[in-house]
PDB file of N, CA and C in Angstrom:
ATOM      1  N   MET A   1      -2.539 -24.869   2.944  1.00  0.00           N
ATOM      2  CA  MET A   1      -3.952 -24.576   2.905  1.00  0.00           C
ATOM      3  C   MET A   1      -4.203 -23.556   1.801  1.00  0.00           C
ATOM      4  N   HIS A   2      -5.234 -23.780   1.056  1.00  0.00           N
ATOM      5  CA  HIS A   2      -5.625 -22.867  -0.015  1.00  0.00           C
ATOM      6  C   HIS A   2      -6.516 -21.773   0.581  1.00  0.00           C
ATOM      7  N   ILE A   3      -6.179 -20.520   0.344  1.00  0.00           N
ATOM      8  CA  ILE A   3      -6.991 -19.409   0.833  1.00  0.00           C
ATOM      9  C   ILE A   3      -8.151 -19.216  -0.131  1.00  0.00           C
ATOM     10  N   ALA A   4      -9.362 -19.290   0.393  1.00  0.00           N
ATOM     11  CA  ALA A   4     -10.564 -19.175  -0.432  1.00  0.00           C
ATOM     12  C   ALA A   4     -11.590 -18.309   0.279  1.00  0.00           C
ATOM     13  N   THR A   5     -12.566 -17.848  -0.470  1.00  0.00           N
ATOM     14  CA  THR A   5     -13.591 -16.973   0.092  1.00  0.00           C
ATOM     15  C   THR A   5     -14.448 -17.675   1.136  1.00  0.00           C
ATOM     16  N   SER A   6     -14.445 -18.988   1.153  1.00  0.00           N
ATOM     17  CA  SER A   6     -15.254 -19.718   2.131  1.00  0.00           C
ATOM     18  C   SER A   6     -14.638 -19.687   3.532  1.00  0.00           C
ATOM     19  N   LEU A   7     -13.382 -19.291   3.640  1.00  0.00           N
ATOM     20  CA  LEU A   7     -12.707 -19.237   4.936  1.00  0.00           C
ATOM     21  C   LEU A   7     -13.067 -17.959   5.679  1.00  0.00           C
ATOM     22  N   THR A   8     -13.058 -18.031   6.993  1.00  0.00           N
ATOM     23  CA  THR A   8     -13.314 -16.835   7.795  1.00  0.00           C
ATOM     24  C   THR A   8     -12.086 -15.931   7.765  1.00  0.00           C
ATOM     25  N   ASP A   9     -12.286 -14.678   8.126  1.00  0.00           N
ATOM     26  CA  ASP A   9     -11.169 -13.727   8.165  1.00  0.00           C
ATOM     27  C   ASP A   9     -10.077 -14.205   9.122  1.00  0.00           C
ATOM     28  N   ASP A  10     -10.476 -14.724  10.278  1.00  0.00           N
ATOM     29  CA  ASP A  10      -9.491 -15.190  11.259  1.00  0.00           C
ATOM     30  C   ASP A  10      -8.639 -16.330  10.703  1.00  0.00           C
ATOM     31  N   VAL A  11      -9.264 -17.252   9.985  1.00  0.00           N
ATOM     32  CA  VAL A  11      -8.525 -18.378   9.405  1.00  0.00           C
ATOM     33  C   VAL A  11      -7.557 -17.877   8.333  1.00  0.00           C
ATOM     34  N   VAL A  12      -8.000 -16.913   7.528  1.00  0.00           N
ATOM     35  CA  VAL A  12      -7.128 -16.346   6.490  1.00  0.00           C
ATOM     36  C   VAL A  12      -5.931 -15.653   7.137  1.00  0.00           C
ATOM     37  N   LEU A  13      -6.169 -14.871   8.196  1.00  0.00           N
ATOM     38  CA  LEU A  13      -5.070 -14.188   8.886  1.00  0.00           C
ATOM     39  C   LEU A  13      -4.088 -15.190   9.488  1.00  0.00           C
ATOM     40  N   GLU A  14      -4.603 -16.269  10.067  1.00  0.00           N
ATOM     41  CA  GLU A  14      -3.721 -17.296  10.629  1.00  0.00           C
ATOM     42  C   GLU A  14      -2.866 -17.940   9.539  1.00  0.00           C
ATOM     43  N   GLU A  15      -3.468 -18.209   8.389  1.00  0.00           N
ATOM     44  CA  GLU A  15      -2.724 -18.820   7.288  1.00  0.00           C
ATOM     45  C   GLU A  15      -1.660 -17.863   6.752  1.00  0.00           C
ATOM     46  N   LEU A  16      -2.015 -16.583   6.609  1.00  0.00           N
ATOM     47  CA  LEU A  16      -1.021 -15.596   6.169  1.00  0.00           C
ATOM     48  C   LEU A  16       0.128 -15.507   7.171  1.00  0.00           C
ATOM     49  N   GLY A  17      -0.210 -15.503   8.450  1.00  0.00           N
ATOM     50  CA  GLY A  17       0.818 -15.461   9.486  1.00  0.00           C
ATOM     51  C   GLY A  17       1.734 -16.669   9.424  1.00  0.00           C
ATOM     52  N   ARG A  18       1.156 -17.848   9.199  1.00  0.00           N
ATOM     53  CA  ARG A  18       1.952 -19.067   9.082  1.00  0.00           C
ATOM     54  C   ARG A  18       2.909 -18.978   7.898  1.00  0.00           C
ATOM     55  N   ARG A  19       2.411 -18.436   6.788  1.00  0.00           N
ATOM     56  CA  ARG A  19       3.249 -18.300   5.588  1.00  0.00           C
ATOM     57  C   ARG A  19       4.368 -17.280   5.798  1.00  0.00           C
ATOM     58  N   LEU A  20       4.066 -16.191   6.504  1.00  0.00           N
ATOM     59  CA  LEU A  20       5.103 -15.195   6.799  1.00  0.00           C
ATOM     60  C   LEU A  20       6.197 -15.808   7.673  1.00  0.00           C
ATOM     61  N   ALA A  21       5.787 -16.548   8.699  1.00  0.00           N
ATOM     62  CA  ALA A  21       6.757 -17.188   9.586  1.00  0.00           C
ATOM     63  C   ALA A  21       7.605 -18.200   8.816  1.00  0.00           C
ATOM     64  N   GLN A  22       6.973 -18.948   7.936  1.00  0.00           N
ATOM     65  CA  GLN A  22       7.687 -19.939   7.128  1.00  0.00           C
ATOM     66  C   GLN A  22       8.740 -19.259   6.244  1.00  0.00           C
ATOM     67  N   LYS A  23       8.378 -18.141   5.626  1.00  0.00           N
ATOM     68  CA  LYS A  23       9.321 -17.413   4.770  1.00  0.00           C
ATOM     69  C   LYS A  23      10.471 -16.846   5.598  1.00  0.00           C
ATOM     70  N   ARG A  24      10.145 -16.301   6.775  1.00  0.00           N
ATOM     71  CA  ARG A  24      11.185 -15.753   7.655  1.00  0.00           C
ATOM     72  C   ARG A  24      12.186 -16.838   8.036  1.00  0.00           C
ATOM     73  N   LEU A  25      11.682 -18.009   8.404  1.00  0.00           N
ATOM     74  CA  LEU A  25      12.561 -19.118   8.777  1.00  0.00           C
ATOM     75  C   LEU A  25      13.377 -19.605   7.584  1.00  0.00           C
ATOM     76  N   GLU A  26      12.760 -19.599   6.410  1.00  0.00           N
ATOM     77  CA  GLU A  26      13.465 -19.983   5.182  1.00  0.00           C
ATOM     78  C   GLU A  26      14.655 -19.065   4.927  1.00  0.00           C
ATOM     79  N   LEU A  27      14.490 -17.785   5.291  1.00  0.00           N
ATOM     80  CA  LEU A  27      15.562 -16.804   5.119  1.00  0.00           C
ATOM     81  C   LEU A  27      16.574 -16.848   6.263  1.00  0.00           C
ATOM     82  N   GLY A  28      16.290 -17.668   7.279  1.00  0.00           N
ATOM     83  CA  GLY A  28      17.209 -17.789   8.411  1.00  0.00           C
ATOM     84  C   GLY A  28      17.157 -16.610   9.357  1.00  0.00           C
ATOM     85  N   LEU A  29      16.014 -15.938   9.425  1.00  0.00           N
ATOM     86  CA  LEU A  29      15.868 -14.771  10.297  1.00  0.00           C
ATOM     87  C   LEU A  29      15.123 -15.144  11.574  1.00  0.00           C
ATOM     88  N   THR A  30      15.569 -14.600  12.685  1.00  0.00           N
ATOM     89  CA  THR A  30      14.792 -14.706  13.916  1.00  0.00           C
ATOM     90  C   THR A  30      13.754 -13.590  13.896  1.00  0.00           C
ATOM     91  N   GLN A  31      12.766 -13.689  14.778  1.00  0.00           N
ATOM     92  CA  GLN A  31      11.786 -12.605  14.865  1.00  0.00           C
ATOM     93  C   GLN A  31      12.471 -11.307  15.264  1.00  0.00           C
ATOM     94  N   ALA A  32      13.439 -11.391  16.153  1.00  0.00           N
ATOM     95  CA  ALA A  32      14.156 -10.188  16.597  1.00  0.00           C
ATOM     96  C   ALA A  32      14.911  -9.548  15.436  1.00  0.00           C
ATOM     97  N   ARG A  33      15.585 -10.366  14.629  1.00  0.00           N
ATOM     98  CA  ARG A  33      16.341  -9.843  13.482  1.00  0.00           C
ATOM     99  C   ARG A  33      15.389  -9.250  12.442  1.00  0.00           C
ATOM    100  N   ALA A  34      14.273  -9.930  12.179  1.00  0.00           N
ATOM    101  CA  ALA A  34      13.284  -9.422  11.223  1.00  0.00           C
ATOM    102  C   ALA A  34      12.702  -8.101  11.712  1.00  0.00           C
ATOM    103  N   ALA A  35      12.497  -7.997  13.020  1.00  0.00           N
ATOM    104  CA  ALA A  35      11.980  -6.755  13.592  1.00  0.00           C
ATOM    105  C   ALA A  35      12.975  -5.617  13.388  1.00  0.00           C
ATOM    106  N   THR A  36      14.242  -5.883  13.639  1.00  0.00           N
ATOM    107  CA  THR A  36      15.282  -4.868  13.457  1.00  0.00           C
ATOM    108  C   THR A  36      15.361  -4.421  12.005  1.00  0.00           C
ATOM    109  N   GLU A  37      15.358  -5.375  11.080  1.00  0.00           N
ATOM    110  CA  GLU A  37      15.482  -5.042   9.661  1.00  0.00           C
ATOM    111  C   GLU A  37      14.262  -4.301   9.117  1.00  0.00           C
ATOM    112  N   SER A  38      13.095  -4.593   9.669  1.00  0.00           N
ATOM    113  CA  SER A  38      11.877  -3.960   9.157  1.00  0.00           C
ATOM    114  C   SER A  38      11.524  -2.673   9.892  1.00  0.00           C
ATOM    115  N   GLY A  39      12.147  -2.451  11.048  1.00  0.00           N
ATOM    116  CA  GLY A  39      11.813  -1.271  11.837  1.00  0.00           C
ATOM    117  C   GLY A  39      10.536  -1.456  12.637  1.00  0.00           C
ATOM    118  N   LEU A  40      10.096  -2.689  12.768  1.00  0.00           N
ATOM    119  CA  LEU A  40       8.904  -3.003  13.550  1.00  0.00           C
ATOM    120  C   LEU A  40       9.332  -3.596  14.884  1.00  0.00           C
ATOM    121  N   SER A  41       8.412  -3.663  15.820  1.00  0.00           N
ATOM    122  CA  SER A  41       8.737  -4.301  17.090  1.00  0.00           C
ATOM    123  C   SER A  41       8.635  -5.818  16.941  1.00  0.00           C
ATOM    124  N   LYS A  42       9.351  -6.523  17.807  1.00  0.00           N
ATOM    125  CA  LYS A  42       9.288  -7.984  17.785  1.00  0.00           C
ATOM    126  C   LYS A  42       7.862  -8.444  18.077  1.00  0.00           C
ATOM    127  N   ARG A  43       7.181  -7.718  18.938  1.00  0.00           N
ATOM    128  CA  ARG A  43       5.791  -8.062  19.274  1.00  0.00           C
ATOM    129  C   ARG A  43       4.892  -7.955  18.041  1.00  0.00           C
ATOM    130  N   THR A  44       5.092  -6.930  17.205  1.00  0.00           N
ATOM    131  CA  THR A  44       4.302  -6.773  15.985  1.00  0.00           C
ATOM    132  C   THR A  44       4.547  -7.943  15.041  1.00  0.00           C
ATOM    133  N   ILE A  45       5.808  -8.340  14.905  1.00  0.00           N
ATOM    134  CA  ILE A  45       6.148  -9.493  14.060  1.00  0.00           C
ATOM    135  C   ILE A  45       5.448 -10.742  14.594  1.00  0.00           C
ATOM    136  N   ALA A  46       5.537 -10.955  15.896  1.00  0.00           N
ATOM    137  CA  ALA A  46       4.921 -12.131  16.514  1.00  0.00           C
ATOM    138  C   ALA A  46       3.406 -12.124  16.323  1.00  0.00           C
ATOM    139  N   ARG A  47       2.792 -10.954  16.464  1.00  0.00           N
ATOM    140  CA  ARG A  47       1.336 -10.854  16.288  1.00  0.00           C
ATOM    141  C   ARG A  47       0.940 -11.165  14.851  1.00  0.00           C
ATOM    142  N   MET A  48       1.668 -10.629  13.879  1.00  0.00           N
ATOM    143  CA  MET A  48       1.345 -10.917  12.478  1.00  0.00           C
ATOM    144  C   MET A  48       1.474 -12.407  12.194  1.00  0.00           C
ATOM    145  N   GLU A  49       2.537 -13.008  12.690  1.00  0.00           N
ATOM    146  CA  GLU A  49       2.762 -14.427  12.436  1.00  0.00           C
ATOM    147  C   GLU A  49       1.760 -15.310  13.170  1.00  0.00           C
ATOM    148  N   ALA A  50       1.156 -14.780  14.230  1.00  0.00           N
ATOM    149  CA  ALA A  50       0.137 -15.527  14.970  1.00  0.00           C
ATOM    150  C   ALA A  50      -1.252 -15.336  14.368  1.00  0.00           C
ATOM    151  N   GLY A  51      -1.351 -14.466  13.366  1.00  0.00           N
ATOM    152  CA  GLY A  51      -2.641 -14.234  12.721  1.00  0.00           C
ATOM    153  C   GLY A  51      -3.451 -13.127  13.354  1.00  0.00           C
ATOM    154  N   ALA A  52      -2.831 -12.357  14.240  1.00  0.00           N
ATOM    155  CA  ALA A  52      -3.521 -11.211  14.838  1.00  0.00           C
ATOM    156  C   ALA A  52      -3.478 -10.055  13.849  1.00  0.00           C
ATOM    157  N   GLY A  53      -4.373  -9.126  13.998  1.00  0.00           N
ATOM    158  CA  GLY A  53      -4.429  -7.989  13.090  1.00  0.00           C
ATOM    159  C   GLY A  53      -3.191  -7.115  13.183  1.00  0.00           C
ATOM    160  N   ALA A  54      -2.921  -6.407  12.119  1.00  0.00           N
ATOM    161  CA  ALA A  54      -1.790  -5.478  12.076  1.00  0.00           C
ATOM    162  C   ALA A  54      -2.150  -4.344  11.131  1.00  0.00           C
ATOM    163  N   GLN A  55      -1.479  -3.238  11.299  1.00  0.00           N
ATOM    164  CA  GLN A  55      -1.701  -2.130  10.376  1.00  0.00           C
ATOM    165  C   GLN A  55      -1.170  -2.509   9.004  1.00  0.00           C
ATOM    166  N   LEU A  56      -1.826  -1.991   7.984  1.00  0.00           N
ATOM    167  CA  LEU A  56      -1.413  -2.292   6.619  1.00  0.00           C
ATOM    168  C   LEU A  56       0.021  -1.839   6.368  1.00  0.00           C
ATOM    169  N   SER A  57       0.411  -0.699   6.934  1.00  0.00           N
ATOM    170  CA  SER A  57       1.779  -0.208   6.739  1.00  0.00           C
ATOM    171  C   SER A  57       2.799  -1.166   7.364  1.00  0.00           C
ATOM    172  N   SER A  58       2.464  -1.766   8.500  1.00  0.00           N
ATOM    173  CA  SER A  58       3.360  -2.749   9.122  1.00  0.00           C
ATOM    174  C   SER A  58       3.463  -3.994   8.254  1.00  0.00           C
ATOM    175  N   PHE A  59       2.353  -4.422   7.704  1.00  0.00           N
ATOM    176  CA  PHE A  59       2.329  -5.588   6.826  1.00  0.00           C
ATOM    177  C   PHE A  59       3.218  -5.352   5.606  1.00  0.00           C
ATOM    178  N   VAL A  60       3.120  -4.159   5.017  1.00  0.00           N
ATOM    179  CA  VAL A  60       3.929  -3.818   3.843  1.00  0.00           C
ATOM    180  C   VAL A  60       5.412  -3.805   4.209  1.00  0.00           C
ATOM    181  N   ARG A  61       5.756  -3.242   5.358  1.00  0.00           N
ATOM    182  CA  ARG A  61       7.164  -3.202   5.780  1.00  0.00           C
ATOM    183  C   ARG A  61       7.716  -4.610   5.980  1.00  0.00           C
ATOM    184  N   TYR A  62       6.893  -5.481   6.551  1.00  0.00           N
ATOM    185  CA  TYR A  62       7.339  -6.853   6.784  1.00  0.00           C
ATOM    186  C   TYR A  62       7.484  -7.611   5.466  1.00  0.00           C
ATOM    187  N   LEU A  63       6.552  -7.397   4.536  1.00  0.00           N
ATOM    188  CA  LEU A  63       6.672  -8.018   3.214  1.00  0.00           C
ATOM    189  C   LEU A  63       7.964  -7.574   2.528  1.00  0.00           C
ATOM    190  N   ARG A  64       8.295  -6.291   2.653  1.00  0.00           N
ATOM    191  CA  ARG A  64       9.529  -5.771   2.041  1.00  0.00           C
ATOM    192  C   ARG A  64      10.755  -6.463   2.645  1.00  0.00           C
ATOM    193  N   THR A  65      10.765  -6.622   3.960  1.00  0.00           N
ATOM    194  CA  THR A  65      11.882  -7.278   4.637  1.00  0.00           C
ATOM    195  C   THR A  65      12.048  -8.727   4.184  1.00  0.00           C
ATOM    196  N   LEU A  66      10.924  -9.405   3.957  1.00  0.00           N
ATOM    197  CA  LEU A  66      10.971 -10.812   3.552  1.00  0.00           C
ATOM    198  C   LEU A  66      11.146 -10.988   2.044  1.00  0.00           C
ATOM    199  N   GLY A  67      11.199  -9.873   1.307  1.00  0.00           N
ATOM    200  CA  GLY A  67      11.357  -9.952  -0.142  1.00  0.00           C
ATOM    201  C   GLY A  67      10.088 -10.377  -0.859  1.00  0.00           C
ATOM    202  N   LEU A  68       8.944 -10.115  -0.241  1.00  0.00           N
ATOM    203  CA  LEU A  68       7.660 -10.530  -0.808  1.00  0.00           C
ATOM    204  C   LEU A  68       6.817  -9.371  -1.328  1.00  0.00           C
ATOM    205  N   LEU A  69       7.354  -8.166  -1.291  1.00  0.00           N
ATOM    206  CA  LEU A  69       6.555  -6.998  -1.659  1.00  0.00           C
ATOM    207  C   LEU A  69       6.079  -7.044  -3.109  1.00  0.00           C
ATOM    208  N   ASP A  70       6.899  -7.601  -3.996  1.00  0.00           N
ATOM    209  CA  ASP A  70       6.497  -7.684  -5.406  1.00  0.00           C
ATOM    210  C   ASP A  70       5.239  -8.528  -5.591  1.00  0.00           C
ATOM    211  N   GLY A  71       4.944  -9.393  -4.644  1.00  0.00           N
ATOM    212  CA  GLY A  71       3.744 -10.224  -4.720  1.00  0.00           C
ATOM    213  C   GLY A  71       2.458  -9.424  -4.632  1.00  0.00           C
ATOM    214  N   LEU A  72       2.529  -8.202  -4.100  1.00  0.00           N
ATOM    215  CA  LEU A  72       1.328  -7.367  -4.028  1.00  0.00           C
ATOM    216  C   LEU A  72       0.842  -6.966  -5.416  1.00  0.00           C
ATOM    217  N   GLU A  73       1.746  -6.905  -6.369  1.00  0.00           N
ATOM    218  CA  GLU A  73       1.363  -6.551  -7.743  1.00  0.00           C
ATOM    219  C   GLU A  73       0.400  -7.591  -8.305  1.00  0.00           C
ATOM    220  N   ALA A  74       0.660  -8.850  -8.014  1.00  0.00           N
ATOM    221  CA  ALA A  74      -0.230  -9.917  -8.483  1.00  0.00           C
ATOM    222  C   ALA A  74      -1.535  -9.923  -7.697  1.00  0.00           C
ATOM    223  N   LEU A  75      -1.460  -9.515  -6.434  1.00  0.00           N
ATOM    224  CA  LEU A  75      -2.646  -9.503  -5.582  1.00  0.00           C
ATOM    225  C   LEU A  75      -3.648  -8.444  -6.021  1.00  0.00           C
ATOM    226  N   VAL A  76      -3.156  -7.239  -6.271  1.00  0.00           N
ATOM    227  CA  VAL A  76      -4.015  -6.132  -6.696  1.00  0.00           C
ATOM    228  C   VAL A  76      -3.347  -5.472  -7.897  1.00  0.00           C
ATOM    229  N   PRO A  77      -3.557  -6.030  -9.087  1.00  0.00           N
ATOM    230  CA  PRO A  77      -2.883  -5.475 -10.267  1.00  0.00           C
ATOM    231  C   PRO A  77      -3.428  -4.097 -10.635  1.00  0.00           C
ATOM    232  N   GLU A  78      -2.549  -3.311 -11.230  1.00  0.00           N
ATOM    233  CA  GLU A  78      -2.941  -1.983 -11.705  1.00  0.00           C
ATOM    234  C   GLU A  78      -3.928  -2.156 -12.855  1.00  0.00           C
ATOM    235  N   GLN A  79      -4.962  -1.335 -12.862  1.00  0.00           N
ATOM    236  CA  GLN A  79      -5.957  -1.388 -13.929  1.00  0.00           C
ATOM    237  C   GLN A  79      -5.444  -0.594 -15.118  1.00  0.00           C
ATOM    238  N   ARG A  80      -5.196  -1.272 -16.201  1.00  0.00           N
ATOM    239  CA  ARG A  80      -4.676  -0.629 -17.410  1.00  0.00           C
ATOM    240  C   ARG A  80      -5.837  -0.258 -18.327  1.00  0.00           C
ATOM    241  N   VAL A  81      -5.833   0.983 -18.776  1.00  0.00           N
ATOM    242  CA  VAL A  81      -6.842   1.471 -19.709  1.00  0.00           C
ATOM    243  C   VAL A  81      -6.096   2.064 -20.896  1.00  0.00           C
ATOM    244  N   SER A  82      -6.551   1.742 -22.092  1.00  0.00           N
ATOM    245  CA  SER A  82      -5.889   2.272 -23.283  1.00  0.00           C
ATOM    246  C   SER A  82      -6.101   3.780 -23.359  1.00  0.00           C
ATOM    247  N   PRO A  83      -5.203   4.511 -24.010  1.00  0.00           N
ATOM    248  CA  PRO A  83      -5.356   5.959 -24.132  1.00  0.00           C
ATOM    249  C   PRO A  83      -6.682   6.361 -24.784  1.00  0.00           C
ATOM    250  N   MET A  84      -7.129   5.612 -25.787  1.00  0.00           N
ATOM    251  CA  MET A  84      -8.404   5.936 -26.445  1.00  0.00           C
ATOM    252  C   MET A  84      -9.580   5.721 -25.490  1.00  0.00           C
ATOM    253  N   GLU A  85      -9.530   4.654 -24.718  1.00  0.00           N
ATOM    254  CA  GLU A  85     -10.585   4.371 -23.745  1.00  0.00           C
ATOM    255  C   GLU A  85     -10.594   5.449 -22.666  1.00  0.00           C
ATOM    256  N   LEU A  86      -9.428   5.902 -22.268  1.00  0.00           N
ATOM    257  CA  LEU A  86      -9.318   6.954 -21.266  1.00  0.00           C
ATOM    258  C   LEU A  86      -9.953   8.244 -21.761  1.00  0.00           C
ATOM    259  N   LEU A  87      -9.708   8.605 -23.020  1.00  0.00           N
ATOM    260  CA  LEU A  87     -10.327   9.803 -23.592  1.00  0.00           C
ATOM    261  C   LEU A  87     -11.839   9.665 -23.655  1.00  0.00           C
ATOM    262  N   ARG A  88     -12.306   8.486 -24.021  1.00  0.00           N
ATOM    263  CA  ARG A  88     -13.740   8.260 -24.147  1.00  0.00           C
ATOM    264  C   ARG A  88     -14.436   8.351 -22.781  1.00  0.00           C
ATOM    265  N   LEU A  89     -13.767   7.898 -21.750  1.00  0.00           N
ATOM    266  CA  LEU A  89     -14.359   7.889 -20.416  1.00  0.00           C
ATOM    267  C   LEU A  89     -14.083   9.156 -19.616  1.00  0.00           C
ATOM    268  N   LYS A  90     -13.255  10.040 -20.144  1.00  0.00           N
ATOM    269  CA  LYS A  90     -12.787  11.211 -19.399  1.00  0.00           C
ATOM    270  C   LYS A  90     -13.918  11.984 -18.729  1.00  0.00           C
ATOM    271  N   GLY A  91     -14.965  12.278 -19.452  1.00  0.00           N
ATOM    272  CA  GLY A  91     -16.057  13.066 -18.887  1.00  0.00           C
ATOM    273  C   GLY A  91     -16.900  12.295 -17.897  1.00  0.00           C
ATOM    274  N   ARG A  92     -16.901  10.970 -17.996  1.00  0.00           N
ATOM    275  CA  ARG A  92     -17.762  10.163 -17.135  1.00  0.00           C
ATOM    276  C   ARG A  92     -17.007   9.512 -15.983  1.00  0.00           C
ATOM    277  N   GLN A  93     -15.734   9.786 -15.853  1.00  0.00           N
ATOM    278  CA  GLN A  93     -14.929   9.136 -14.829  1.00  0.00           C
ATOM    279  C   GLN A  93     -15.311   9.651 -13.446  1.00  0.00           C
ATOM    280  N   ARG A  94     -15.608   8.738 -12.549  1.00  0.00           N
ATOM    281  CA  ARG A  94     -16.008   9.109 -11.191  1.00  0.00           C
ATOM    282  C   ARG A  94     -14.779   9.478 -10.369  1.00  0.00           C
ATOM    283  N   LYS A  95     -14.903  10.537  -9.624  1.00  0.00           N
ATOM    284  CA  LYS A  95     -13.819  10.983  -8.758  1.00  0.00           C
ATOM    285  C   LYS A  95     -14.035  10.499  -7.320  1.00  0.00           C
ATOM    286  N   ARG A  96     -15.296  10.373  -6.915  1.00  0.00           N
ATOM    287  CA  ARG A  96     -15.611   9.932  -5.555  1.00  0.00           C
ATOM    288  C   ARG A  96     -16.994   9.302  -5.541  1.00  0.00           C
ATOM    289  N   ALA A  97     -17.226   8.527  -4.535  1.00  0.00           N
ATOM    290  CA  ALA A  97     -18.535   7.888  -4.381  1.00  0.00           C
ATOM    291  C   ALA A  97     -19.478   8.857  -3.685  1.00  0.00           C
ATOM    292  N   SER A  98     -20.728   8.765  -3.990  1.00  0.00           N
ATOM    293  CA  SER A  98     -21.716   9.612  -3.331  1.00  0.00           C
ATOM    294  C   SER A  98     -22.819   8.728  -2.777  1.00  0.00           C
ATOM    295  N   SER A  99     -23.431   9.204  -1.705  1.00  0.00           N
ATOM    296  CA  SER A  99     -24.525   8.440  -1.114  1.00  0.00           C
ATOM    297  C   SER A  99     -25.835   8.830  -1.782  1.00  0.00           C
ATOM    298  N   ARG A 100     -26.840   8.014  -1.542  1.00  0.00           N
ATOM    299  CA  ARG A 100     -28.147   8.320  -2.112  1.00  0.00           C
ATOM    300  C   ARG A 100     -28.704   9.569  -1.438  1.00  0.00           C
ATOM    301  N   ARG A 101     -29.321  10.400  -2.211  1.00  0.00           N
ATOM    302  CA  ARG A 101     -29.935  11.605  -1.658  1.00  0.00           C
ATOM    303  C   ARG A 101     -31.351  11.273  -1.212  1.00  0.00           C
ATOM    304  N   PRO A 102     -31.752  11.812  -0.060  1.00  0.00           N
ATOM    305  CA  PRO A 102     -33.122  11.539   0.388  1.00  0.00           C
ATOM    306  C   PRO A 102     -34.123  12.208  -0.555  1.00  0.00           C
ATOM    307  N   LYS A 103     -35.252  11.557  -0.721  1.00  0.00           N
ATOM    308  CA  LYS A 103     -36.278  12.121  -1.595  1.00  0.00           C
ATOM    309  C   LYS A 103     -36.915  13.325  -0.918  1.00  0.00           C
ATOM    310  N   SER A 104     -37.165  14.351  -1.711  1.00  0.00           N
ATOM    311  CA  SER A 104     -37.826  15.544  -1.199  1.00  0.00           C
ATOM    312  C   SER A 104     -39.314  15.255  -1.077  1.00  0.00           C
ATOM    313  N   PRO A 105     -39.963  15.886  -0.089  1.00  0.00           N
ATOM    314  CA  PRO A 105     -41.416  15.696  -0.007  1.00  0.00           C
ATOM    315  C   PRO A 105     -42.070  16.296  -1.257  1.00  0.00           C
ATOM    316  N   PRO A 106     -43.172  15.740  -1.690  1.00  0.00           N
ATOM    317  CA  PRO A 106     -43.814  16.261  -2.896  1.00  0.00           C
ATOM    318  C   PRO A 106     -44.240  17.719  -2.709  1.00  0.00           C
ATOM    319  N   VAL A 107     -44.096  18.484  -3.756  1.00  0.00           N
ATOM    320  CA  VAL A 107     -44.472  19.897  -3.726  1.00  0.00           C
ATOM    321  C   VAL A 107     -45.988  19.993  -3.912  1.00  0.00           C
ATOM    322  N   THR A 108     -46.620  20.718  -3.012  1.00  0.00           N
ATOM    323  CA  THR A 108     -48.072  20.927  -3.137  1.00  0.00           C
ATOM    324  C   THR A 108     -48.320  22.401  -3.386  1.00  0.00           C
ATOM    325  N   ASP A 109     -49.432  22.677  -3.952  1.00  0.00           N
ATOM    326  CA  ASP A 109     -49.790  24.080  -4.184  1.00  0.00           C
ATOM    327  C   ASP A 109     -50.051  24.743  -2.846  1.00  0.00           C
ATOM    328  N   TRP A 110     -49.522  25.921  -2.706  1.00  0.00           N
ATOM    329  CA  TRP A 110     -49.699  26.666  -1.470  1.00  0.00           C
ATOM    330  C   TRP A 110     -50.717  27.764  -1.723  1.00  0.00           C
ATOM    331  N   THR A 111     -51.561  27.971  -0.780  1.00  0.00           N
ATOM    332  CA  THR A 111     -52.526  29.071  -0.890  1.00  0.00           C
ATOM    333  C   THR A 111     -52.515  29.844   0.413  1.00  0.00           C
ATOM    334  N   TRP A 112     -52.988  31.073   0.329  1.00  0.00           N
ATOM    335  CA  TRP A 112     -53.066  31.913   1.518  1.00  0.00           C
ATOM    336  C   TRP A 112     -53.967  31.249   2.541  1.00  0.00           C
ATOM    337  N   GLY A 113     -53.545  31.319   3.775  1.00  0.00           N
ATOM    338  CA  GLY A 113     -54.339  30.764   4.857  1.00  0.00           C
ATOM    339  C   GLY A 113     -53.952  29.335   5.204  1.00  0.00           C
ATOM    340  N   ASP A 114     -52.968  28.769   4.493  1.00  0.00           N
ATOM    341  CA  ASP A 114     -52.524  27.413   4.815  1.00  0.00           C
ATOM    342  C   ASP A 114     -51.484  27.410   5.931  1.00  0.00           C
ATOM    343  N   ASP A 115     -51.081  28.578   6.416  1.00  0.00           N
ATOM    344  CA  ASP A 115     -50.070  28.653   7.468  1.00  0.00           C
ATOM    345  C   ASP A 115     -50.625  28.055   8.761  1.00  0.00           C
ATOM    346  N   PRO A 116     -49.813  27.360   9.526  1.00  0.00           N
ATOM    347  CA  PRO A 116     -50.280  26.791  10.803  1.00  0.00           C
ATOM    348  C   PRO A 116     -50.527  27.847  11.850  1.00  0.00           C
TER     349      PRO A 116
END
């Protein structure tokens, strides 16, 4: 199955789980052996392979055990910027996201006697 944006999250997780199980079997590993080698519980391995959610750190550990960790580089490649571009953007580089600030009420002229 081709993973595409038209698929639901649950379908994508099930497909990833199927692929993980297929790779594990290709390597001749049982779920128990894969759990031992990765330091995860057998239940966590079974849940990932069934398409249930898992912590990202568990997913990374399992990918490492299956020899698939290098595939993350293709999934989320490092953004390369040339040294000259980096210098040009240095002052404008964002460090964190900020939310919109609420608009202040308009300032009106105040006069004596306007107190409530």
